[in-house]
Protein backbone atom coordinates (compact mmCIF):
# COMPACT_ATOMS: atom_id res chain seq x y z
CA MET A 1 6.87 6.76 -5.51
CA SER A 2 7.74 5.50 -8.67
CA HIS A 3 7.67 2.18 -10.14
CA PRO A 4 9.06 2.58 -13.92
CA ILE A 5 8.60 -0.01 -16.42
CA GLY A 6 10.22 0.04 -20.11
CA ARG A 7 9.20 1.99 -22.26
CA ARG A 8 6.19 0.82 -24.58
CA SER A 9 5.90 1.93 -28.40
CA LEU A 10 3.23 3.75 -29.00
CA ALA A 11 1.15 2.89 -32.75
CA ALA A 12 -0.19 5.36 -34.32
CA LEU A 13 -3.41 6.65 -33.94
CA ALA A 14 -6.20 7.89 -36.43
CA LEU A 15 -9.98 9.90 -35.57
CA VAL A 16 -12.11 7.55 -37.77
CA PRO A 17 -16.17 8.78 -37.42
CA ILE A 18 -18.28 5.49 -36.54
CA ALA A 19 -21.89 5.14 -37.41
CA GLY A 20 -24.36 6.12 -34.63
CA CYS A 21 -21.15 7.00 -32.25
CA GLY A 22 -22.68 10.25 -32.07
CA GLY A 23 -25.86 10.32 -31.24
CA SER A 24 -28.61 12.66 -31.41
CA PRO A 25 -28.00 15.81 -28.69
CA PRO A 26 -30.83 14.53 -26.31
CA ALA A 27 -28.37 11.46 -26.13
CA ARG A 28 -25.31 13.82 -26.10
CA ALA A 29 -26.76 15.92 -23.36
CA GLN A 30 -28.08 13.05 -21.23
CA ARG A 31 -24.82 11.20 -21.67
CA GLY A 32 -23.02 14.48 -20.26
CA ALA A 33 -25.30 14.87 -17.45
CA ALA A 34 -24.00 11.35 -15.85
CA LEU A 35 -20.87 12.51 -15.09
CA PRO A 36 -20.03 13.42 -11.92
CA ASP A 37 -19.54 16.83 -10.59
CA PHE A 38 -16.60 16.73 -8.00
CA ALA A 39 -16.80 20.07 -7.00
CA ASP A 40 -18.95 19.46 -3.81
CA LEU A 41 -16.63 16.67 -3.16
CA ALA A 42 -13.29 18.48 -3.49
CA GLU A 43 -14.44 21.60 -1.23
CA ARG A 44 -15.77 18.94 1.33
CA VAL A 45 -12.81 17.05 1.54
CA LEU A 46 -9.35 18.97 0.47
CA PRO A 47 -9.36 20.67 4.19
CA ALA A 48 -8.33 17.04 5.67
CA VAL A 49 -5.79 16.96 2.71
CA VAL A 50 -2.06 17.76 3.87
CA ASN A 51 1.17 18.11 2.26
CA ILE A 52 3.99 16.58 4.33
CA ALA A 53 7.56 17.97 4.16
CA VAL A 54 10.55 15.76 5.79
CA THR A 55 13.97 16.58 6.50
CA SER A 56 16.23 13.70 6.77
CA GLU A 57 19.93 12.87 7.96
CA GLN A 58 21.77 10.46 5.99
CA ARG A 59 25.55 9.52 6.01
CA ALA A 60 27.88 11.86 3.15
CA GLU A 61 29.26 9.26 1.05
CA VAL A 62 32.95 10.54 0.07
CA PRO A 63 33.34 10.99 -3.14
CA PRO A 64 35.57 8.01 -5.00
CA GLU A 65 38.32 10.69 -5.91
CA LEU A 66 39.14 11.26 -2.24
CA ARG A 67 39.37 8.12 -0.95
CA GLY A 68 42.47 7.67 0.20
CA THR A 69 43.92 11.02 0.06
CA PRO A 70 44.78 13.56 2.32
CA PHE A 71 41.29 15.08 1.60
CA GLU A 72 39.03 12.47 2.88
CA ARG A 73 39.90 13.41 6.32
CA TYR A 74 38.68 16.80 5.42
CA PHE A 75 35.57 16.06 4.00
CA ARG A 76 34.19 14.11 6.74
CA ASP A 77 35.06 16.81 9.03
CA ARG A 78 34.09 19.60 7.20
CA ARG A 79 31.10 17.81 6.53
CA GLY A 80 30.70 15.78 9.72
CA GLY A 81 30.12 12.67 8.46
CA ARG A 82 26.40 13.92 7.50
CA GLN A 83 24.27 15.58 4.95
CA GLN A 84 20.50 16.47 4.82
CA SER A 85 18.06 15.38 2.39
CA GLN A 86 14.31 16.75 1.93
CA GLY A 87 11.62 15.23 0.84
CA ALA A 88 7.56 15.64 0.23
CA GLY A 89 4.33 14.05 0.20
CA SER A 90 1.20 13.98 1.19
CA GLY A 91 -1.25 12.60 3.89
CA PHE A 92 -4.63 12.83 5.30
CA ILE A 93 -6.42 13.68 8.76
CA LEU A 94 -7.86 10.93 10.12
CA ASP A 95 -9.16 11.89 13.79
CA PRO A 96 -9.66 16.16 14.36
CA ALA A 97 -7.70 15.38 17.86
CA GLY A 98 -4.43 15.44 15.21
CA LEU A 99 -4.09 11.66 13.94
CA LEU A 100 -2.81 11.66 10.45
CA VAL A 101 -1.93 9.05 8.03
CA THR A 102 0.57 8.73 5.12
CA ALA A 103 2.68 6.22 3.60
CA ASN A 104 5.47 4.78 5.42
CA HIS A 105 8.38 5.53 2.31
CA VAL A 106 7.55 9.63 2.22
CA ILE A 107 8.64 9.67 5.98
CA GLY A 108 11.51 7.08 6.05
CA ASN A 109 14.12 7.87 8.35
CA ALA A 110 13.16 11.70 8.40
CA SER A 111 14.82 13.62 11.16
CA ARG A 112 11.72 16.33 11.04
CA VAL A 113 8.41 16.08 9.39
CA VAL A 114 5.92 19.39 8.71
CA VAL A 115 2.07 19.36 7.93
CA SER A 116 0.96 21.63 6.18
CA LEU A 117 -2.84 22.59 6.05
CA GLN A 118 -4.82 24.12 3.06
CA ASP A 119 -5.64 26.63 4.80
CA GLY A 120 -1.74 27.19 5.78
CA GLN A 121 -1.64 26.15 9.03
CA GLU A 122 1.75 24.39 9.88
CA TYR A 123 2.61 21.26 12.45
CA ILE A 124 5.68 19.43 13.70
CA ALA A 125 4.70 16.05 13.51
CA ARG A 126 5.89 13.17 15.22
CA VAL A 127 6.06 9.42 14.19
CA VAL A 128 3.76 7.08 16.07
CA GLY A 129 3.78 4.33 14.22
CA SER A 130 4.64 2.87 10.87
CA ASP A 131 4.82 -0.24 8.72
CA GLU A 132 6.77 -0.93 5.91
CA LEU A 133 5.46 -4.22 4.60
CA THR A 134 2.32 -2.01 3.54
CA ASP A 135 3.81 1.00 3.44
CA LEU A 136 1.22 2.85 6.11
CA ALA A 137 3.10 5.63 8.86
CA LEU A 138 0.50 7.20 11.37
CA LEU A 139 1.92 10.60 12.34
CA ARG A 140 0.23 12.86 14.86
CA VAL A 141 0.46 16.64 15.58
CA ASP A 142 -0.23 18.90 18.61
CA ALA A 143 -3.43 20.97 16.99
CA ARG A 144 -4.50 24.19 18.63
CA ALA A 145 -8.25 23.41 17.61
CA PRO A 146 -10.07 20.27 16.24
CA LEU A 147 -8.73 19.33 12.89
CA PRO A 148 -10.95 19.22 9.84
CA SER A 149 -11.14 15.19 8.76
CA VAL A 150 -12.23 12.53 6.65
CA GLY A 151 -12.75 8.91 7.66
CA TRP A 152 -12.33 5.34 6.43
CA GLY A 153 -14.93 3.72 3.35
CA SER A 154 -15.54 -0.06 2.36
CA SER A 155 -12.53 -0.44 -0.29
CA GLY A 156 -14.39 -4.42 -0.83
CA ALA A 157 -17.56 -2.20 -1.57
CA MET A 158 -16.15 -0.80 -4.31
CA ARG A 159 -16.81 -1.84 -8.58
CA VAL A 160 -14.58 -1.90 -11.17
CA GLY A 161 -15.56 1.01 -13.13
CA GLN A 162 -17.11 3.14 -10.54
CA TRP A 163 -15.59 7.11 -10.11
CA VAL A 164 -12.83 7.66 -7.33
CA LEU A 165 -11.04 11.31 -6.57
CA ALA A 166 -7.17 11.50 -6.06
CA ALA A 167 -5.81 14.03 -3.64
CA GLY A 168 -2.55 15.16 -2.73
CA ASN A 169 0.68 17.21 -3.20
CA PRO A 170 1.75 16.29 -6.65
CA PHE A 171 5.14 17.72 -7.63
CA GLY A 172 4.78 19.90 -4.36
CA LEU A 173 2.23 22.44 -5.69
CA GLY A 174 -0.32 21.56 -3.04
CA GLY A 175 -3.42 21.06 -2.46
CA THR A 176 -4.66 19.01 -5.48
CA VAL A 177 -7.16 16.88 -7.29
CA THR A 178 -7.68 14.22 -9.98
CA SER A 179 -10.55 12.01 -11.31
CA GLY A 180 -10.99 8.43 -12.37
CA ILE A 181 -12.24 5.63 -11.91
CA LEU A 182 -11.70 2.25 -10.21
CA SER A 183 -9.63 0.30 -12.89
CA ALA A 184 -8.85 -3.05 -11.28
CA ARG A 185 -8.63 -4.66 -7.92
CA GLY A 186 -6.32 -6.95 -5.92
CA ARG A 187 -3.31 -6.09 -8.14
CA ASP A 188 0.42 -7.96 -6.99
CA ILE A 189 2.97 -5.27 -8.22
CA GLY A 190 6.02 -7.24 -6.22
CA ALA A 191 6.47 -4.55 -3.42
CA GLY A 192 5.86 -7.33 -0.70
CA PRO A 193 3.84 -10.28 0.53
CA TYR A 194 0.47 -8.50 1.19
CA ASP A 195 0.58 -6.63 -2.38
CA ASP A 196 -3.26 -6.32 -2.66
CA PHE A 197 -3.15 -2.82 -4.52
CA LEU A 198 -6.32 -0.95 -6.08
CA GLN A 199 -5.47 -0.05 -9.69
CA THR A 200 -6.96 4.09 -10.76
CA ASP A 201 -6.62 5.83 -13.74
CA ALA A 202 -7.29 8.71 -11.90
CA PRO A 203 -3.60 10.64 -12.37
CA ILE A 204 -1.28 9.90 -9.58
CA ASN A 205 2.07 11.88 -9.22
CA PRO A 206 5.17 12.04 -7.37
CA GLY A 207 4.04 14.09 -4.26
CA ASN A 208 0.81 12.25 -4.01
CA SER A 209 2.47 9.18 -2.28
CA GLY A 210 0.36 8.60 1.44
CA GLY A 211 -2.53 11.09 0.25
CA PRO A 212 -6.14 9.65 0.19
CA LEU A 213 -7.97 7.93 -2.72
CA PHE A 214 -12.07 8.99 -2.00
CA ASN A 215 -15.26 7.47 -3.40
CA LEU A 216 -17.86 9.39 -4.06
CA ALA A 217 -19.26 9.76 -0.49
CA GLY A 218 -16.12 11.56 0.28
CA GLU A 219 -14.60 8.60 2.36
CA VAL A 220 -10.95 6.96 1.96
CA ILE A 221 -10.93 3.64 -0.08
CA GLY A 222 -7.17 3.88 -0.62
CA ILE A 223 -3.69 5.29 -0.11
CA ASN A 224 -2.37 6.45 -3.09
CA THR A 225 1.64 4.45 -3.05
CA ALA A 226 2.79 3.83 -6.26
CA ILE A 227 2.22 4.31 -10.53
CA TYR A 228 4.13 2.78 -13.44
CA SER A 229 5.58 4.88 -15.52
CA PRO A 230 7.98 5.21 -18.28
CA SER A 231 8.77 8.75 -17.26
CA GLY A 232 8.13 9.39 -13.65
CA ALA A 233 4.66 11.14 -14.44
CA SER A 234 1.51 9.77 -14.85
CA ALA A 235 0.65 7.72 -16.99
CA GLY A 236 -2.84 6.17 -15.76
CA ILE A 237 -1.74 3.16 -13.88
CA GLY A 238 -1.47 4.09 -9.97
CA PHE A 239 -1.97 2.01 -7.37
CA ALA A 240 -3.48 2.56 -3.47
CA VAL A 241 -3.50 0.38 -0.39
CA PRO A 242 -6.97 -0.39 0.20
CA SER A 243 -8.72 0.61 3.27
CA ASP A 244 -10.12 -2.42 4.35
CA LEU A 245 -6.00 -3.79 4.53
CA ALA A 246 -4.55 -0.35 5.81
CA ARG A 247 -7.94 0.28 8.52
CA PRO A 248 -6.59 -2.72 10.62
CA ILE A 249 -3.16 -1.79 10.31
CA VAL A 250 -3.77 2.13 11.30
CA GLU A 251 -5.72 0.75 14.26
CA GLN A 252 -3.01 -1.23 15.54
CA LEU A 253 -0.05 1.53 15.35
CA ARG A 254 -2.72 3.83 16.89
CA SER A 255 -3.15 1.55 19.94
CA GLY A 256 0.67 0.01 20.11
CA GLY A 257 2.54 1.98 17.81
CA ARG A 258 3.46 -1.20 15.91
CA VAL A 259 2.05 -4.16 13.57
CA GLU A 260 1.92 -7.66 14.91
CA ARG A 261 1.50 -10.51 12.58
CA GLY A 262 0.36 -13.96 12.69
CA TRP A 263 3.38 -16.35 11.18
CA LEU A 264 3.70 -20.07 10.73
CA GLY A 265 7.10 -20.06 9.20
CA VAL A 266 6.91 -22.36 6.42
CA ALA A 267 7.77 -21.67 2.92
CA VAL A 268 4.76 -22.27 0.18
CA GLN A 269 4.09 -21.68 -3.26
CA ASP A 270 1.01 -22.15 -5.51
CA ILE A 271 -0.37 -25.79 -6.81
CA ALA A 272 0.32 -26.17 -10.32
CA GLY A 273 1.01 -29.23 -12.47
CA GLU A 274 3.26 -32.17 -11.22
CA GLU A 275 6.30 -31.89 -9.13
CA PRO A 276 9.32 -33.88 -9.88
CA GLY A 277 9.66 -37.03 -7.84
CA ARG A 278 6.38 -36.64 -5.97
CA ARG A 279 2.68 -37.80 -5.87
CA ARG A 280 0.67 -34.83 -7.90
CA PRO A 281 -1.47 -32.90 -5.01
CA THR A 282 -5.20 -33.25 -5.78
CA GLY A 283 -7.36 -30.39 -5.95
CA ARG A 284 -6.32 -26.73 -5.40
CA GLY A 285 -4.56 -25.26 -2.62
CA VAL A 286 -1.07 -24.12 -1.06
CA LEU A 287 2.10 -26.66 -1.34
CA ILE A 288 4.23 -26.45 2.04
CA THR A 289 7.75 -26.59 0.28
CA GLY A 290 9.87 -25.95 3.33
CA ILE A 291 9.79 -25.38 7.05
CA GLU A 292 11.63 -23.80 9.44
CA ARG A 293 13.32 -25.02 12.46
CA GLY A 294 11.57 -24.23 15.57
CA SER A 295 8.84 -22.54 13.85
CA PRO A 296 4.90 -22.87 14.90
CA ALA A 297 4.31 -24.74 11.81
CA ALA A 298 7.13 -27.43 13.03
CA ARG A 299 6.10 -27.37 16.55
CA ALA A 300 2.91 -28.39 15.07
CA GLY A 301 4.07 -31.30 13.05
CA LEU A 302 3.33 -30.14 9.72
CA ARG A 303 5.64 -31.38 7.12
CA GLN A 304 7.23 -30.77 3.47
CA GLY A 305 4.59 -32.06 0.81
CA ASP A 306 1.84 -30.97 2.87
CA GLN A 307 -0.96 -29.45 0.72
CA VAL A 308 -2.97 -26.33 3.14
CA VAL A 309 -6.45 -26.37 1.83
CA ALA A 310 -8.27 -24.21 4.31
CA ILE A 311 -7.88 -22.46 7.46
CA ASN A 312 -10.61 -22.85 10.10
CA GLY A 313 -12.56 -24.35 7.48
CA GLU A 314 -12.23 -21.17 5.14
CA ARG A 315 -11.00 -22.15 1.61
CA ILE A 316 -7.67 -21.52 0.99
CA GLU A 317 -6.69 -21.49 -3.07
CA THR A 318 -2.96 -19.09 -3.47
CA SER A 319 -0.30 -18.66 -1.33
CA ARG A 320 -1.19 -15.06 -1.52
CA ALA A 321 -4.47 -15.45 0.44
CA LEU A 322 -2.55 -18.58 3.01
CA VAL A 323 0.49 -15.62 4.07
CA ARG A 324 -2.18 -12.71 4.54
CA ASN A 325 -4.72 -14.90 6.31
CA VAL A 326 -2.02 -16.07 8.53
CA ALA A 327 -0.65 -12.60 8.52
CA ALA A 328 -4.13 -11.14 9.87
CA LEU A 329 -4.26 -13.89 12.83
CA PRO A 330 -3.20 -12.64 16.55
CA PRO A 331 -0.01 -14.37 17.41
CA GLY A 332 -0.94 -17.30 20.27
CA GLN A 333 -4.22 -18.20 18.70
CA THR A 334 -4.67 -21.75 17.58
CA VAL A 335 -5.94 -23.06 14.22
CA GLN A 336 -6.84 -25.41 12.78
CA LEU A 337 -5.31 -26.22 9.41
CA SER A 338 -7.16 -28.52 6.96
CA ILE A 339 -4.42 -30.44 4.57
CA LEU A 340 -4.06 -33.14 2.40
CA ARG A 341 -0.82 -35.61 3.27
CA ASP A 342 -0.37 -38.19 0.64
CA GLY A 343 -3.71 -37.30 -0.84
CA ARG A 344 -5.38 -38.05 2.68
CA PRO A 345 -7.61 -35.25 4.42
CA THR A 346 -6.37 -34.47 8.13
CA GLU A 347 -7.12 -31.48 10.23
CA VAL A 348 -3.70 -30.35 12.33
CA PRO A 349 -4.07 -27.55 15.17
CA VAL A 350 -1.59 -24.83 15.10
CA GLN A 351 -0.68 -22.05 17.59
CA ILE A 352 -0.01 -18.93 15.32
CA GLY A 353 3.30 -17.27 16.60
CA ARG A 354 4.69 -13.44 16.10
CA ARG A 355 6.41 -12.77 12.90
CA PRO A 356 9.93 -11.89 13.36
CA ALA A 357 10.76 -8.48 12.60
CA ALA A 358 13.06 -9.30 9.72
CA SER A 359 10.62 -11.63 7.85
């Protein structure tokens, strides 16, 4: 779950009194009273937060010193060519009937998934579907009775600086909550084409992957998935898949076990200055730098050098926005692309295709 970055030097800090910072006792009491008490929230949501233990079978690697020797066959025969690995993560119950959400990288290619509830109940889970591009997975367990569950909140309604609560299974310790604020929105950390992460300083550690990030109403506004850390532990920079992105993905997995995304078949880049040998694009938008043969874009007559400025009248100013907007469209739908070609505006109807699995 960790995405480490290089170690950074830490300058020596000195605690220096600042005039007026302390305030009068009533002022201090007023500030203290404004801090949230998470006890009721934690008590309400923790029963729906689960620990996930996975077992995966992997091909056993022959040690280099045995390759090409008589012991190589002995090694393969003894191990059967396979070896098992263990892993752990977190998740949350979305439906009392036994549907659970977690991170795709938690389950990976697991041969066995065991879900443990806070009250000690354990269930064998099966994978309903997963989506590698957004790092989400949906599991199902056969519950003996309705399970405690939590619902979605709107990540788009969250403001930077608002309080959040993260819950999960850090370092295998079981149900744990940590608090912090929403530090930033729309973070691109290079994980994939649909990066749009929430950033939080609520401590997130290995084992928290797949666990929920709550607002103060107890609604899931994110799924914890990654951290930046020089040590592998929380450094106050954690990332969560926003609920507004996760919710439709989970619904597709629930209904069909897979995610279908719209596709144009173009290579694009943000417009930034003049391109050698080309007339400088005007205004803002996205420049088409390549078109795949036989793609929806090719069939619609789009050309290299066209500048996309809107989809169905909605302004498009970055390549990330174009990719996300097209991906959200159902394959087969025809949309109107507003483009600039040699500086002249034109409208091009395009029938959206289905994104290839390897793209």
